[in-house]
Amino acid sequence: MNITAVIPSLVEVDKDYLELCVDSLRATVDWPIVVVTNGGRTTQPFPPGWSTGRCTHLHTKQQGQCNAVNIGAQWAPPTTDYLFIINSDMYFPPGWDKNLKFKYPVFSPNLVEPINNSGSAPPFLKADGGFNLEEFDSDLVDDYVKEMIKTEKGKTETGFNLPFFIRKDVWDTIGGYDVKYDPWGSNSDTDLQTKINLAGITPRRLRDVLVYHFSNKSGTFDGTHQEAWQKNWDYFDSKWGFNRDVLGSDVWYNKDMLPDAYDDSNFHPDWEMKYYEE
């Protein structure tokens, strides 16, 4: 199985987290990694080897997660079977990938988040591994993940979260992220998830594949971008003809993502339900 990892980064605010993310991933798997740093005005140097070997580093001054991920996906080798889309504030402990199974067209690992992260979503596990790099205890996280991999072994559920694996042909079919959600990206993940459902795919979560997530390190959702959030919410509503509140969607467990009477929706691409029989 050929995997290409894609990591978008708002480099001027998350560079140190990005380094940890890349280093931990390179230490655990031998996959090509494409890092797309965006929104910066600097050519700040990165660690040796980032633009050679297993890691390609691209940079764009245009800010936005959607644009960055789409660019990274375009740089994936032509032999790529799955893309692995990652947030830069993630750490990959030894053995995190032990139970990976590529039986679903779209699936996510589960996350481990700091115990003091009050905004942690219901599916995620919690460990006292530190909310930031200054507090980070890699030994504690490594030991916790090692034990929880055993506890959660074989457990799967419907659900979607970053990081996620998506088959490359599915990504190409649905067109990746919608860049109209940039520069702040709110609602873009729900838009992508809804497109995955519209293609006839129910994404899964592998609870025994675990990644540590510091969370909220880019500043994108720190409460200072309410106007951008509202713009994106209104765009989603106008594009689809519904929103999460109308449907009562549970995005974490992928429930009620599409209305029962979908014919009344505004968005009907030619790939609608293409993968339903899978």
Protein backbone atom coordinates (compact mmCIF):
# COMPACT_ATOMS: atom_id res chain seq x y z
CA MET A 1 0.00 0.00 0.00
CA ASN A 2 1.44 3.38 -1.06
CA ILE A 3 0.63 6.24 1.33
CA THR A 4 1.46 9.93 1.00
CA ALA A 5 1.10 12.17 4.06
CA VAL A 6 0.05 15.80 3.55
CA ILE A 7 0.52 18.35 6.33
CA PRO A 8 -0.67 21.98 6.00
CA SER A 9 0.93 24.49 8.36
CA LEU A 10 0.42 28.11 9.27
CA VAL A 11 4.15 28.24 9.72
CA GLU A 12 4.54 31.50 11.63
CA VAL A 13 2.52 30.18 14.58
CA ASP A 14 3.00 26.40 14.61
CA LYS A 15 6.54 25.78 13.37
CA ASP A 16 7.73 23.95 16.52
CA TYR A 17 4.67 21.68 16.53
CA LEU A 18 5.19 21.01 12.85
CA GLU A 19 8.76 19.87 13.47
CA LEU A 20 7.62 17.44 16.17
CA CYS A 21 4.84 16.17 13.91
CA VAL A 22 7.16 15.51 10.97
CA ASP A 23 9.94 14.03 13.08
CA SER A 24 7.59 11.63 14.88
CA LEU A 25 5.95 10.55 11.63
CA ARG A 26 9.29 9.98 9.91
CA ALA A 27 10.41 7.91 12.92
CA THR A 28 7.45 5.55 12.66
CA VAL A 29 6.56 5.11 8.97
CA ASP A 30 8.41 5.20 5.67
CA TRP A 31 5.90 7.23 3.67
CA PRO A 32 6.52 10.30 1.50
CA ILE A 33 5.54 13.45 3.40
CA VAL A 34 4.44 16.70 1.72
CA VAL A 35 4.49 19.75 4.00
CA VAL A 36 2.77 22.89 2.68
CA THR A 37 3.47 25.95 4.80
CA ASN A 38 1.19 28.86 4.06
CA GLY A 39 0.28 32.37 5.06
CA GLY A 40 3.81 33.39 5.96
CA ARG A 41 6.07 36.10 4.62
CA THR A 42 9.27 34.38 5.48
CA THR A 43 11.58 31.79 4.01
CA GLN A 44 12.47 30.69 7.52
CA PRO A 45 14.81 27.70 7.29
CA PHE A 46 13.62 24.26 8.35
CA PRO A 47 15.56 21.29 9.68
CA PRO A 48 17.99 19.62 7.26
CA GLY A 49 16.37 17.05 5.02
CA TRP A 50 12.89 18.54 4.94
CA SER A 51 13.09 19.16 1.21
CA THR A 52 14.90 15.95 0.37
CA GLY A 53 14.33 12.24 0.74
CA ARG A 54 10.99 11.38 2.35
CA CYS A 55 9.84 14.96 2.95
CA THR A 56 8.92 17.62 0.40
CA HIS A 57 8.45 21.17 1.66
CA LEU A 58 6.34 23.64 -0.32
CA HIS A 59 5.51 27.22 0.64
CA THR A 60 2.76 29.59 -0.42
CA LYS A 61 1.98 33.07 0.84
CA GLN A 62 -1.72 32.43 0.29
CA GLN A 63 -3.14 31.41 3.64
CA GLY A 64 -5.60 28.57 3.97
CA GLN A 65 -5.77 24.93 5.02
CA CYS A 66 -7.93 23.96 2.04
CA ASN A 67 -5.59 25.40 -0.57
CA ALA A 68 -2.53 23.98 1.20
CA VAL A 69 -3.92 20.44 1.42
CA ASN A 70 -5.08 20.50 -2.20
CA ILE A 71 -1.62 21.60 -3.32
CA GLY A 72 0.01 18.89 -1.20
CA ALA A 73 -2.26 16.23 -2.69
CA GLN A 74 -1.22 17.30 -6.19
CA TRP A 75 2.42 16.62 -5.25
CA ALA A 76 1.70 13.06 -4.14
CA PRO A 77 3.56 10.46 -6.24
CA PRO A 78 1.40 8.97 -9.02
CA THR A 79 1.59 5.56 -7.34
CA THR A 80 -0.20 6.87 -4.21
CA ASP A 81 -3.11 4.66 -3.10
CA TYR A 82 -4.12 6.69 -0.03
CA LEU A 83 -3.58 10.25 1.13
CA PHE A 84 -3.08 10.81 4.85
CA ILE A 85 -4.22 14.32 5.80
CA ILE A 86 -2.72 15.55 9.07
CA ASN A 87 -2.88 18.61 11.33
CA SER A 88 0.52 20.02 12.20
CA ASP A 89 -0.10 19.87 15.99
CA MET A 90 -0.06 16.08 16.13
CA TYR A 91 2.46 13.58 17.52
CA PHE A 92 2.83 10.00 16.29
CA PRO A 93 3.98 7.70 19.12
CA PRO A 94 5.83 4.45 18.46
CA GLY A 95 3.44 1.72 17.29
CA TRP A 96 0.57 4.10 16.56
CA ASP A 97 0.16 2.43 13.14
CA LYS A 98 0.31 -1.17 14.39
CA ASN A 99 -3.37 -1.88 13.67
CA LEU A 100 -3.81 0.03 10.42
CA LYS A 101 -6.09 -1.79 7.98
CA PHE A 102 -6.83 -0.33 4.58
CA LYS A 103 -10.27 -1.89 4.16
CA TYR A 104 -12.24 1.38 4.06
CA PRO A 105 -12.06 4.08 1.37
CA VAL A 106 -12.04 6.79 4.08
CA PHE A 107 -11.08 6.26 7.72
CA SER A 108 -9.56 8.08 10.68
CA PRO A 109 -7.32 7.10 13.58
CA ASN A 110 -8.70 8.02 16.97
CA LEU A 111 -7.09 10.87 18.92
CA VAL A 112 -5.59 11.20 22.37
CA GLU A 113 -5.87 14.76 23.68
CA PRO A 114 -4.71 16.56 26.86
CA ILE A 115 -6.91 16.06 29.90
CA ASN A 116 -7.25 19.85 30.29
CA ASN A 117 -8.70 20.28 26.80
CA SER A 118 -12.34 21.03 27.67
CA GLY A 119 -13.29 21.13 23.99
CA SER A 120 -12.25 17.56 23.27
CA ALA A 121 -14.81 15.66 21.18
CA PRO A 122 -16.63 12.62 22.68
CA PRO A 123 -14.77 9.87 20.75
CA PHE A 124 -11.32 11.02 21.78
CA LEU A 125 -9.27 9.59 24.64
CA LYS A 126 -7.52 11.80 27.19
CA ALA A 127 -4.07 11.60 28.75
CA ASP A 128 -2.01 13.97 30.88
CA GLY A 129 0.59 14.38 28.16
CA GLY A 130 0.65 18.17 28.08
CA PHE A 131 -1.37 20.87 26.36
CA ASN A 132 1.70 22.47 24.76
CA LEU A 133 5.30 21.65 23.93
CA GLU A 134 6.58 23.03 27.22
CA GLU A 135 4.38 20.56 29.13
CA PHE A 136 4.72 17.67 26.67
CA ASP A 137 5.65 14.33 28.23
CA SER A 138 6.43 12.01 25.33
CA ASP A 139 7.20 9.05 27.62
CA LEU A 140 3.78 9.30 29.27
CA VAL A 141 2.05 9.57 25.89
CA ASP A 142 4.02 6.66 24.46
CA ASP A 143 3.15 4.44 27.44
CA TYR A 144 -0.51 5.47 27.42
CA VAL A 145 -0.90 4.83 23.69
CA LYS A 146 0.83 1.45 24.00
CA GLU A 147 -1.70 0.34 26.60
CA MET A 148 -4.75 1.82 24.89
CA ILE A 149 -3.87 0.15 21.60
CA LYS A 150 -4.36 -3.14 23.47
CA THR A 151 -7.54 -1.96 25.19
CA GLU A 152 -9.13 -0.64 21.98
CA LYS A 153 -7.89 -3.46 19.74
CA GLY A 154 -10.31 -4.33 16.95
CA LYS A 155 -12.80 -1.56 17.79
CA THR A 156 -14.18 0.52 14.93
CA GLU A 157 -17.08 2.94 14.60
CA THR A 158 -18.56 5.33 12.09
CA GLY A 159 -16.89 8.70 12.38
CA PHE A 160 -14.60 11.27 10.88
CA ASN A 161 -11.79 13.45 12.22
CA LEU A 162 -8.32 14.59 11.32
CA PRO A 163 -6.01 12.96 10.67
CA PHE A 164 -7.73 10.82 8.08
CA PHE A 165 -6.85 8.43 5.29
CA ILE A 166 -8.68 8.81 2.00
CA ARG A 167 -8.22 6.71 -1.09
CA LYS A 168 -6.62 8.83 -3.79
CA ASP A 169 -9.26 8.07 -6.41
CA VAL A 170 -11.98 9.18 -3.97
CA TRP A 171 -10.11 12.41 -3.25
CA ASP A 172 -9.75 13.12 -6.96
CA THR A 173 -13.40 12.32 -7.60
CA ILE A 174 -14.82 14.68 -4.99
CA GLY A 175 -12.25 17.38 -5.71
CA GLY A 176 -10.61 17.61 -2.30
CA TYR A 177 -11.31 20.63 -0.13
CA ASP A 178 -13.43 23.57 -1.24
CA VAL A 179 -11.01 26.53 -1.17
CA LYS A 180 -13.88 29.00 -0.73
CA TYR A 181 -13.63 28.25 3.01
CA ASP A 182 -10.15 29.76 3.18
CA PRO A 183 -8.40 31.61 4.71
CA TRP A 184 -9.77 30.52 8.13
CA GLY A 185 -11.13 27.12 7.15
CA SER A 186 -14.07 26.79 9.53
CA ASN A 187 -16.70 24.33 8.22
CA SER A 188 -14.34 23.06 5.49
CA ASP A 189 -13.87 19.70 7.21
CA THR A 190 -17.65 19.27 7.52
CA ASP A 191 -18.01 20.20 3.86
CA LEU A 192 -15.45 17.55 2.89
CA GLN A 193 -17.10 14.98 5.16
CA THR A 194 -20.50 15.73 3.63
CA LYS A 195 -19.04 15.25 0.15
CA ILE A 196 -17.64 11.89 1.25
CA ASN A 197 -21.12 10.87 2.40
CA LEU A 198 -22.66 12.18 -0.82
CA ALA A 199 -20.24 9.99 -2.79
CA GLY A 200 -21.84 7.01 -1.02
CA ILE A 201 -19.09 6.43 1.56
CA THR A 202 -19.55 6.17 5.31
CA PRO A 203 -16.19 7.06 6.92
CA ARG A 204 -14.93 4.92 9.78
CA ARG A 205 -12.78 5.47 12.85
CA LEU A 206 -10.20 2.89 13.96
CA ARG A 207 -10.12 3.21 17.73
CA ASP A 208 -6.97 1.12 18.06
CA VAL A 209 -4.90 3.45 15.84
CA LEU A 210 -3.97 6.37 18.10
CA VAL A 211 -2.41 9.79 17.50
CA TYR A 212 -1.72 12.51 20.11
CA HIS A 213 -3.28 15.89 19.33
CA PHE A 214 -2.27 19.08 21.18
CA SER A 215 -5.23 20.93 19.52
CA ASN A 216 -5.98 24.61 18.89
CA LYS A 217 -2.41 25.65 18.15
CA SER A 218 -2.87 27.53 14.86
CA GLY A 219 -5.03 30.29 16.30
CA THR A 220 -7.59 29.71 13.59
CA PHE A 221 -10.45 29.13 16.01
CA ASP A 222 -9.44 31.28 18.96
CA GLY A 223 -12.62 33.37 18.87
CA THR A 224 -11.15 36.35 17.03
CA HIS A 225 -12.45 35.37 13.59
CA GLN A 226 -16.20 35.32 14.15
CA GLU A 227 -16.87 37.24 10.94
CA ALA A 228 -14.95 34.63 8.90
CA TRP A 229 -16.73 31.83 10.76
CA GLN A 230 -20.13 33.33 9.92
CA LYS A 231 -19.15 33.80 6.27
CA ASN A 232 -18.22 30.13 6.01
CA TRP A 233 -21.35 28.99 7.83
CA ASP A 234 -23.50 30.98 5.40
CA TYR A 235 -21.55 29.64 2.42
CA PHE A 236 -22.06 26.02 3.51
CA ASP A 237 -25.79 26.66 3.93
CA SER A 238 -26.13 28.26 0.51
CA LYS A 239 -24.03 25.57 -1.20
CA TRP A 240 -25.86 22.58 0.29
CA GLY A 241 -29.29 23.96 1.19
CA PHE A 242 -28.96 22.76 4.79
CA ASN A 243 -26.52 22.88 7.71
CA ARG A 244 -25.58 20.83 10.77
CA ASP A 245 -28.13 22.56 12.98
CA VAL A 246 -30.97 21.90 10.56
CA LEU A 247 -30.10 18.19 10.33
CA GLY A 248 -29.00 17.71 13.93
CA SER A 249 -25.75 16.25 12.58
CA ASP A 250 -23.24 14.52 14.80
CA VAL A 251 -20.08 15.05 12.75
CA TRP A 252 -17.84 13.09 15.16
CA TYR A 253 -19.86 9.90 14.68
CA ASN A 254 -20.97 10.74 11.12
CA LYS A 255 -24.68 10.72 11.88
CA ASP A 256 -27.36 12.65 9.95
CA MET A 257 -24.90 14.25 7.55
CA LEU A 258 -27.39 14.30 4.64
CA PRO A 259 -31.15 14.96 4.66
CA ASP A 260 -33.51 12.07 3.99
CA ALA A 261 -34.98 13.90 0.99
CA TYR A 262 -31.70 14.81 -0.64
CA ASP A 263 -33.37 15.73 -3.93
CA ASP A 264 -34.19 19.08 -2.34
CA SER A 265 -30.50 19.89 -1.82
CA ASN A 266 -28.67 22.54 -3.85
CA PHE A 267 -25.55 20.46 -4.62
CA HIS A 268 -25.76 17.57 -7.10
CA PRO A 269 -22.35 16.72 -8.63
CA ASP A 270 -22.04 14.04 -11.30
CA TRP A 271 -20.22 11.75 -8.83
CA GLU A 272 -23.15 11.62 -6.40
CA MET A 273 -23.37 8.10 -4.85
CA LYS A 274 -20.58 6.85 -7.14
CA TYR A 275 -19.15 4.58 -4.42
CA TYR A 276 -22.43 3.51 -2.82
CA GLU A 277 -22.09 -0.16 -3.76
CA GLU A 278 -18.73 -0.38 -2.00
